[in-house]
């Protein structure tokens, strides 16, 4: 797998990348709510929904990469 460093990186750190991808919208809205007085709580709800969807998509992508690595790349 030394020929595919990006694939190796995703296999090794994929779960953490998926988690950070899901938490990023929530963190961004929380920062905006702290520093902006006009931020509405509805943005936080939307960020949680978007974060859950982003986490699900990234987790599925990482699992798909792991399946491809297990089946196609020699060990």
N, C-alpha and C. Protein backbone atom coordinates (compact mmCIF):
# COMPACT_ATOMS: atom_id res chain seq x y z
N UNK A 1 0.82 -1.19 0.00
CA UNK A 1 0.00 0.00 0.00
C UNK A 1 0.87 1.26 0.00
N UNK A 2 2.17 1.09 -0.12
CA UNK A 2 3.06 2.24 -0.14
C UNK A 2 2.90 3.08 -1.41
N UNK A 3 2.29 2.51 -2.44
CA UNK A 3 2.04 3.27 -3.67
C UNK A 3 0.82 4.17 -3.56
N UNK A 4 0.02 3.99 -2.54
CA UNK A 4 -1.22 4.74 -2.37
C UNK A 4 -1.25 5.40 -0.99
N UNK A 5 -0.52 6.48 -0.79
CA UNK A 5 -0.46 7.08 0.54
C UNK A 5 -1.79 7.68 1.00
N UNK A 6 -2.58 8.21 0.09
CA UNK A 6 -3.87 8.78 0.48
C UNK A 6 -4.83 7.69 0.96
N UNK A 7 -4.80 6.55 0.29
CA UNK A 7 -5.64 5.42 0.70
C UNK A 7 -5.18 4.91 2.06
N UNK A 8 -3.88 4.80 2.25
CA UNK A 8 -3.36 4.35 3.54
C UNK A 8 -3.74 5.32 4.65
N UNK A 9 -3.71 6.61 4.36
CA UNK A 9 -4.09 7.62 5.35
C UNK A 9 -5.56 7.48 5.72
N UNK A 10 -6.43 7.27 4.71
CA UNK A 10 -7.86 7.11 4.98
C UNK A 10 -8.15 5.84 5.76
N UNK A 11 -7.43 4.77 5.47
CA UNK A 11 -7.65 3.53 6.20
C UNK A 11 -7.22 3.69 7.65
N UNK A 12 -6.12 4.39 7.86
CA UNK A 12 -5.58 4.53 9.21
C UNK A 12 -6.38 5.52 10.06
N UNK A 13 -6.74 6.65 9.49
CA UNK A 13 -7.39 7.72 10.26
C UNK A 13 -8.83 7.99 9.83
N UNK A 14 -9.44 7.09 9.11
CA UNK A 14 -10.77 7.34 8.56
C UNK A 14 -11.86 7.59 9.59
N UNK A 15 -11.83 6.86 10.69
CA UNK A 15 -12.87 7.06 11.71
C UNK A 15 -12.77 8.45 12.33
N UNK A 16 -11.54 8.91 12.56
CA UNK A 16 -11.36 10.24 13.14
C UNK A 16 -11.73 11.33 12.14
N UNK A 17 -11.41 11.11 10.88
CA UNK A 17 -11.77 12.09 9.85
C UNK A 17 -13.28 12.20 9.74
N UNK A 18 -13.98 11.07 9.79
CA UNK A 18 -15.44 11.09 9.73
C UNK A 18 -16.02 11.82 10.93
N UNK A 19 -15.45 11.58 12.10
CA UNK A 19 -15.94 12.25 13.30
C UNK A 19 -15.71 13.75 13.23
N UNK A 20 -14.53 14.17 12.81
CA UNK A 20 -14.25 15.60 12.69
C UNK A 20 -15.09 16.26 11.61
N UNK A 21 -15.38 15.53 10.55
CA UNK A 21 -16.25 16.06 9.50
C UNK A 21 -17.66 16.30 10.03
N UNK A 22 -18.12 15.41 10.88
CA UNK A 22 -19.45 15.58 11.45
C UNK A 22 -19.52 16.67 12.50
N UNK A 23 -18.43 16.88 13.23
CA UNK A 23 -18.43 17.89 14.28
C UNK A 23 -18.12 19.30 13.77
N UNK A 24 -17.56 19.42 12.59
CA UNK A 24 -17.15 20.72 12.07
C UNK A 24 -18.31 21.71 11.92
N UNK A 25 -19.46 21.33 11.35
CA UNK A 25 -20.56 22.31 11.25
C UNK A 25 -21.09 22.75 12.62
N UNK A 26 -21.15 21.82 13.54
CA UNK A 26 -21.64 22.16 14.88
C UNK A 26 -20.67 23.12 15.56
N UNK A 27 -19.38 22.84 15.45
CA UNK A 27 -18.38 23.73 16.06
C UNK A 27 -18.42 25.11 15.42
N UNK A 28 -18.59 25.17 14.12
CA UNK A 28 -18.64 26.46 13.43
C UNK A 28 -19.83 27.28 13.89
N UNK A 29 -20.98 26.64 14.05
CA UNK A 29 -22.17 27.37 14.49
C UNK A 29 -22.04 27.78 15.95
N UNK A 30 -21.44 26.93 16.78
CA UNK A 30 -21.24 27.32 18.17
C UNK A 30 -20.31 28.52 18.28
N UNK A 31 -19.27 28.55 17.49
CA UNK A 31 -18.37 29.71 17.49
C UNK A 31 -19.11 30.95 17.00
N UNK A 32 -19.93 30.80 15.97
CA UNK A 32 -20.70 31.93 15.46
C UNK A 32 -21.71 32.41 16.51
N UNK A 33 -22.30 31.50 17.27
CA UNK A 33 -23.27 31.90 18.29
C UNK A 33 -22.58 32.63 19.44
N UNK A 34 -21.34 32.28 19.72
CA UNK A 34 -20.62 32.95 20.80
C UNK A 34 -20.22 34.36 20.38
N UNK A 35 -19.74 34.51 19.15
CA UNK A 35 -19.19 35.79 18.71
C UNK A 35 -20.18 36.68 17.98
N UNK A 36 -21.32 36.18 17.59
CA UNK A 36 -22.33 36.98 16.90
C UNK A 36 -23.59 37.02 17.76
N UNK A 37 -24.07 38.19 18.03
CA UNK A 37 -25.25 38.31 18.87
C UNK A 37 -26.54 38.00 18.11
N UNK A 38 -26.48 38.01 16.79
CA UNK A 38 -27.70 37.79 16.01
C UNK A 38 -27.89 36.34 15.59
N UNK A 39 -27.07 35.44 16.09
CA UNK A 39 -27.19 34.03 15.70
C UNK A 39 -28.44 33.42 16.34
N UNK A 40 -29.16 32.66 15.56
CA UNK A 40 -30.41 32.05 16.02
C UNK A 40 -30.16 30.59 16.36
N UNK A 41 -30.93 30.05 17.30
CA UNK A 41 -30.73 28.66 17.72
C UNK A 41 -31.09 27.68 16.61
N UNK A 42 -31.87 28.12 15.64
CA UNK A 42 -32.22 27.27 14.50
C UNK A 42 -30.99 26.87 13.69
N UNK A 43 -30.00 27.74 13.66
CA UNK A 43 -28.75 27.40 12.98
C UNK A 43 -28.06 26.23 13.65
N UNK A 44 -28.17 26.15 14.97
CA UNK A 44 -27.55 25.03 15.69
C UNK A 44 -28.25 23.72 15.35
N UNK A 45 -29.56 23.75 15.25
CA UNK A 45 -30.31 22.55 14.87
C UNK A 45 -29.93 22.12 13.46
N UNK A 46 -29.85 23.09 12.56
CA UNK A 46 -29.46 22.78 11.18
C UNK A 46 -28.04 22.23 11.13
N UNK A 47 -27.15 22.76 11.94
CA UNK A 47 -25.76 22.28 11.96
C UNK A 47 -25.67 20.86 12.51
N UNK A 48 -26.49 20.54 13.50
CA UNK A 48 -26.49 19.18 14.03
C UNK A 48 -26.98 18.19 12.97
N UNK A 49 -28.03 18.56 12.26
CA UNK A 49 -28.55 17.69 11.19
C UNK A 49 -27.51 17.56 10.07
N UNK A 50 -26.92 18.67 9.67
CA UNK A 50 -25.89 18.64 8.63
C UNK A 50 -24.67 17.84 9.08
N UNK A 51 -24.28 18.01 10.34
CA UNK A 51 -23.15 17.26 10.86
C UNK A 51 -23.40 15.77 10.89
N UNK A 52 -24.61 15.37 11.27
CA UNK A 52 -24.94 13.95 11.28
C UNK A 52 -24.92 13.38 9.87
N UNK A 53 -25.44 14.14 8.91
CA UNK A 53 -25.43 13.68 7.52
C UNK A 53 -24.01 13.62 6.97
N UNK A 54 -23.20 14.62 7.28
CA UNK A 54 -21.80 14.63 6.82
C UNK A 54 -21.02 13.47 7.43
N UNK A 55 -21.26 13.19 8.71
CA UNK A 55 -20.59 12.06 9.36
C UNK A 55 -20.99 10.74 8.69
N UNK A 56 -22.27 10.59 8.41
CA UNK A 56 -22.75 9.37 7.76
C UNK A 56 -22.13 9.18 6.38
N UNK A 57 -22.08 10.25 5.60
CA UNK A 57 -21.49 10.15 4.27
C UNK A 57 -20.00 9.83 4.34
N UNK A 58 -19.28 10.50 5.23
CA UNK A 58 -17.84 10.25 5.33
C UNK A 58 -17.56 8.87 5.88
N UNK A 59 -18.36 8.41 6.82
CA UNK A 59 -18.18 7.07 7.36
C UNK A 59 -18.42 6.02 6.28
N UNK A 60 -19.44 6.22 5.47
CA UNK A 60 -19.70 5.29 4.36
C UNK A 60 -18.56 5.31 3.36
N UNK A 61 -18.01 6.48 3.07
CA UNK A 61 -16.88 6.58 2.15
C UNK A 61 -15.66 5.86 2.70
N UNK A 62 -15.38 6.03 3.98
CA UNK A 62 -14.22 5.37 4.60
C UNK A 62 -14.42 3.86 4.60
N UNK A 63 -15.61 3.39 4.91
CA UNK A 63 -15.87 1.95 4.88
C UNK A 63 -15.76 1.39 3.47
N UNK A 64 -16.19 2.15 2.48
CA UNK A 64 -16.04 1.72 1.09
C UNK A 64 -14.57 1.62 0.71
N UNK A 65 -13.77 2.57 1.12
CA UNK A 65 -12.33 2.52 0.87
C UNK A 65 -11.72 1.30 1.55
N UNK A 66 -12.14 1.01 2.78
CA UNK A 66 -11.60 -0.15 3.48
C UNK A 66 -11.98 -1.46 2.79
N UNK A 67 -13.19 -1.54 2.26
CA UNK A 67 -13.60 -2.74 1.52
C UNK A 67 -12.75 -2.90 0.26
N UNK A 68 -12.54 -1.81 -0.45
CA UNK A 68 -11.71 -1.86 -1.66
C UNK A 68 -10.29 -2.28 -1.33
N UNK A 69 -9.75 -1.74 -0.26
CA UNK A 69 -8.38 -2.10 0.14
C UNK A 69 -8.32 -3.58 0.51
N UNK A 70 -9.28 -4.07 1.25
CA UNK A 70 -9.27 -5.47 1.67
C UNK A 70 -9.40 -6.43 0.49
N UNK A 71 -10.18 -6.04 -0.52
CA UNK A 71 -10.45 -6.97 -1.62
C UNK A 71 -9.47 -6.85 -2.78
N UNK A 72 -8.99 -5.65 -3.06
CA UNK A 72 -8.23 -5.45 -4.29
C UNK A 72 -6.73 -5.26 -4.11
N UNK A 73 -6.33 -4.67 -3.01
CA UNK A 73 -4.90 -4.43 -2.84
C UNK A 73 -4.24 -5.62 -2.15
N UNK A 74 -3.10 -6.02 -2.64
CA UNK A 74 -2.41 -7.15 -1.99
C UNK A 74 -1.89 -6.75 -0.62
N UNK A 75 -1.88 -7.71 0.28
CA UNK A 75 -1.44 -7.43 1.65
C UNK A 75 0.05 -7.46 1.78
